[in-house]
Every structure is written in C-alpha cells, then in structure tokens.
Protein backbone atom coordinates (compact mmCIF):
# COMPACT_ATOMS: atom_id res chain seq x y z
CA MET A 1 -52.10 26.24 -62.62
CA LYS A 2 -52.08 22.75 -62.09
CA LYS A 3 -50.90 22.10 -66.18
CA GLY A 4 -48.13 24.58 -65.54
CA LEU A 5 -46.89 22.72 -62.50
CA ILE A 6 -46.97 19.12 -63.89
CA GLY A 7 -44.77 20.75 -67.35
CA LEU A 8 -42.44 22.19 -65.01
CA ALA A 9 -41.97 19.19 -62.62
CA LEU A 10 -41.80 16.72 -65.92
CA LEU A 11 -39.30 19.59 -67.50
CA ALA A 12 -37.56 19.83 -64.28
CA GLY A 13 -37.22 15.24 -63.98
CA GLY A 14 -35.88 15.25 -67.51
CA LEU A 15 -33.11 17.50 -67.14
CA VAL A 16 -31.80 15.59 -63.29
CA THR A 17 -31.96 12.32 -65.58
CA SER A 18 -30.37 13.84 -68.45
CA LEU A 19 -27.10 14.61 -66.50
CA PRO A 20 -24.08 12.40 -66.93
CA ALA A 21 -23.01 10.27 -63.97
CA THR A 22 -19.93 11.92 -61.89
CA ALA A 23 -18.50 8.34 -61.67
CA GLY A 24 -18.36 5.42 -63.98
CA THR A 25 -16.56 2.96 -65.17
CA PHE A 26 -15.14 2.31 -69.32
CA THR A 27 -12.99 -0.52 -70.71
CA LEU A 28 -9.60 0.52 -71.35
CA GLY A 29 -8.25 -2.88 -72.92
CA HIS A 30 -8.22 -6.55 -73.17
CA THR A 31 -5.26 -8.80 -73.34
CA TRP A 32 -4.08 -12.62 -72.96
CA LEU A 33 -2.11 -14.11 -70.64
CA LEU A 34 -0.57 -17.45 -71.36
CA GLU A 35 0.52 -20.88 -69.55
CA ILE A 36 4.40 -20.60 -70.06
CA GLY A 37 5.63 -17.38 -68.27
CA ASN A 38 7.70 -14.42 -69.09
CA VAL A 39 5.34 -13.54 -71.79
CA LYS A 40 3.92 -10.09 -71.00
CA GLY A 41 0.38 -8.76 -72.24
CA ASN A 42 0.82 -4.86 -73.42
CA ILE A 43 -1.90 -2.82 -74.26
CA PRO A 44 -0.87 0.09 -75.78
CA PHE A 45 -2.66 3.57 -76.49
CA PRO A 46 -2.09 5.44 -79.85
CA ILE A 47 -4.03 8.49 -78.07
CA CYS A 48 -3.53 8.60 -74.31
CA ARG A 49 -6.63 7.56 -72.20
CA ASN A 50 -7.67 9.32 -68.92
CA ALA A 51 -8.45 7.84 -65.87
CA LYS A 52 -7.95 7.84 -61.99
CA GLY A 53 -7.56 4.33 -61.54
CA PHE A 54 -8.12 0.59 -62.78
CA LYS A 55 -9.15 -2.82 -61.87
CA ILE A 56 -8.56 -5.72 -63.53
CA GLU A 57 -11.15 -8.62 -64.52
CA ALA A 58 -10.26 -12.00 -65.38
CA GLN A 59 -12.30 -14.04 -67.57
CA ARG A 60 -10.44 -17.39 -66.80
CA ASP A 61 -8.47 -18.43 -63.75
CA LEU A 62 -5.26 -16.74 -63.55
CA LYS A 63 -2.15 -15.55 -61.38
CA LEU A 64 -1.49 -12.30 -61.47
CA ASP A 65 1.59 -10.65 -60.62
CA ARG A 66 1.82 -7.24 -61.52
CA VAL A 67 0.75 -4.24 -63.76
CA LYS A 68 2.75 -1.44 -64.91
CA VAL A 69 1.30 1.29 -66.08
CA ARG A 70 3.10 3.94 -68.29
CA PHE A 71 1.58 7.90 -68.39
CA ARG A 72 1.59 10.72 -71.28
CA ASN A 73 4.70 12.36 -69.08
CA GLY A 74 6.76 9.13 -69.39
CA GLU A 75 6.34 8.06 -65.66
CA GLU A 76 5.65 4.48 -64.84
CA LYS A 77 4.06 2.91 -61.89
CA THR A 78 3.72 -0.65 -60.88
CA PHE A 79 0.96 -2.16 -59.25
CA ASN A 80 2.07 -5.59 -57.52
CA TYR A 81 -0.41 -8.06 -56.47
CA TYR A 82 0.91 -11.69 -56.74
CA ARG A 83 -2.04 -13.67 -55.98
CA ASP A 84 -4.98 -15.75 -57.58
CA VAL A 85 -7.93 -13.98 -59.19
CA LYS A 86 -10.68 -16.69 -59.84
CA LYS A 87 -12.76 -16.39 -63.55
CA ASP A 88 -15.35 -13.71 -63.86
CA GLN A 89 -13.71 -11.77 -60.69
CA ASP A 90 -11.54 -8.80 -60.16
CA THR A 91 -9.12 -7.20 -58.44
CA GLY A 92 -10.76 -4.23 -56.68
CA VAL A 93 -10.09 -0.67 -57.78
CA ARG A 94 -6.36 0.65 -57.85
CA LEU A 95 -6.41 4.59 -57.72
CA PHE A 96 -3.53 7.18 -59.04
CA GLY A 97 -4.24 9.69 -56.58
CA TYR A 98 -5.61 11.78 -59.52
CA GLU A 99 -7.00 11.93 -63.19
CA ARG A 100 -3.83 10.72 -65.44
CA CYS A 101 -3.42 10.20 -69.01
CA ILE A 102 -2.56 6.48 -69.57
CA LYS A 103 -0.27 5.42 -72.73
CA HIS A 104 0.42 1.77 -72.07
CA ILE A 105 -0.21 -0.95 -70.05
CA GLU A 106 1.60 -4.00 -69.15
CA VAL A 107 -0.06 -6.65 -67.51
CA SER A 108 2.54 -9.99 -65.77
CA GLY A 109 1.37 -13.23 -64.91
CA ASN A 110 0.30 -16.66 -65.86
CA SER A 111 -3.06 -18.74 -66.61
CA GLU A 112 -4.31 -21.68 -64.96
CA GLY A 113 -4.95 -23.25 -68.67
CA THR A 114 -3.83 -22.58 -71.72
CA ARG A 115 -4.74 -18.88 -71.99
CA ALA A 116 -6.64 -16.46 -69.83
CA GLY A 117 -8.75 -13.21 -71.04
CA VAL A 118 -7.89 -10.15 -68.68
CA LYS A 119 -9.81 -6.74 -69.00
CA VAL A 120 -8.42 -3.66 -67.90
CA ILE A 121 -11.46 -1.50 -66.72
CA GLY A 122 -10.65 2.31 -66.25
CA ILE A 123 -12.36 4.12 -63.39
CA ASP A 124 -13.63 7.85 -64.26
C-alpha cells in the first residue's frame, strides 16, 4: 500500500513540474543605437511573433526616445519614453492589452558612447 502511494505521489509531482509556465519572457530581437541621432534600430520579423507586451534592456547607457511596433494587421502603436536608460537596466513592461502578432519593431534614441546595444524582450 505504501509503495503504491509513494509511486502515485512521485507521478503527480512529475506531472506538476512538467507543466509549462503560464507567463514568461523571450527575446524578440536585438539592435544598435548610435551616438549620431536620426538612425533608428529596426527589428523586422519574417514571421510575426506573438506577445502580450515588451520591455527594452540597455546593454550600454542610452537615451531612449520611442519604440514603434507594427502588427500583422498593419496597425502601429508608438510608445514614448524620452528618458535615460543605464547599462544593464530595463524600461519596465509595456503591455498591448492582449496578445498581438508583431511584424516589425523600430527603436529610436541615441547612445552615450559610439553605440549601444538594445535588447527587446517579449512578454507572454
């Protein structure tokens, strides 16, 4: 009897740990911002990527102006920041309201040095 209960408990524990997480993050793309203004970082997607929102991570100090997201249906949404983002910091999550299919992301801003890497993280 004890062996049966132990086996059942181990089986149930294995099922619980194998279930996928309901919310998570994933990398949507990476681009560069230059010290010279008016150069936008573009991240195109040949196949649209589904996400409920995003956040920006800076790999060097930068001044982030705005992020424009284009969806599969042609609609665009612009998120204004106009602030400094320090190295290894993120902007916090911006949500779309519901899961959307993203076709293109455009990041506008300037780096504090010659160039700054920008990582766009998608939110499930």
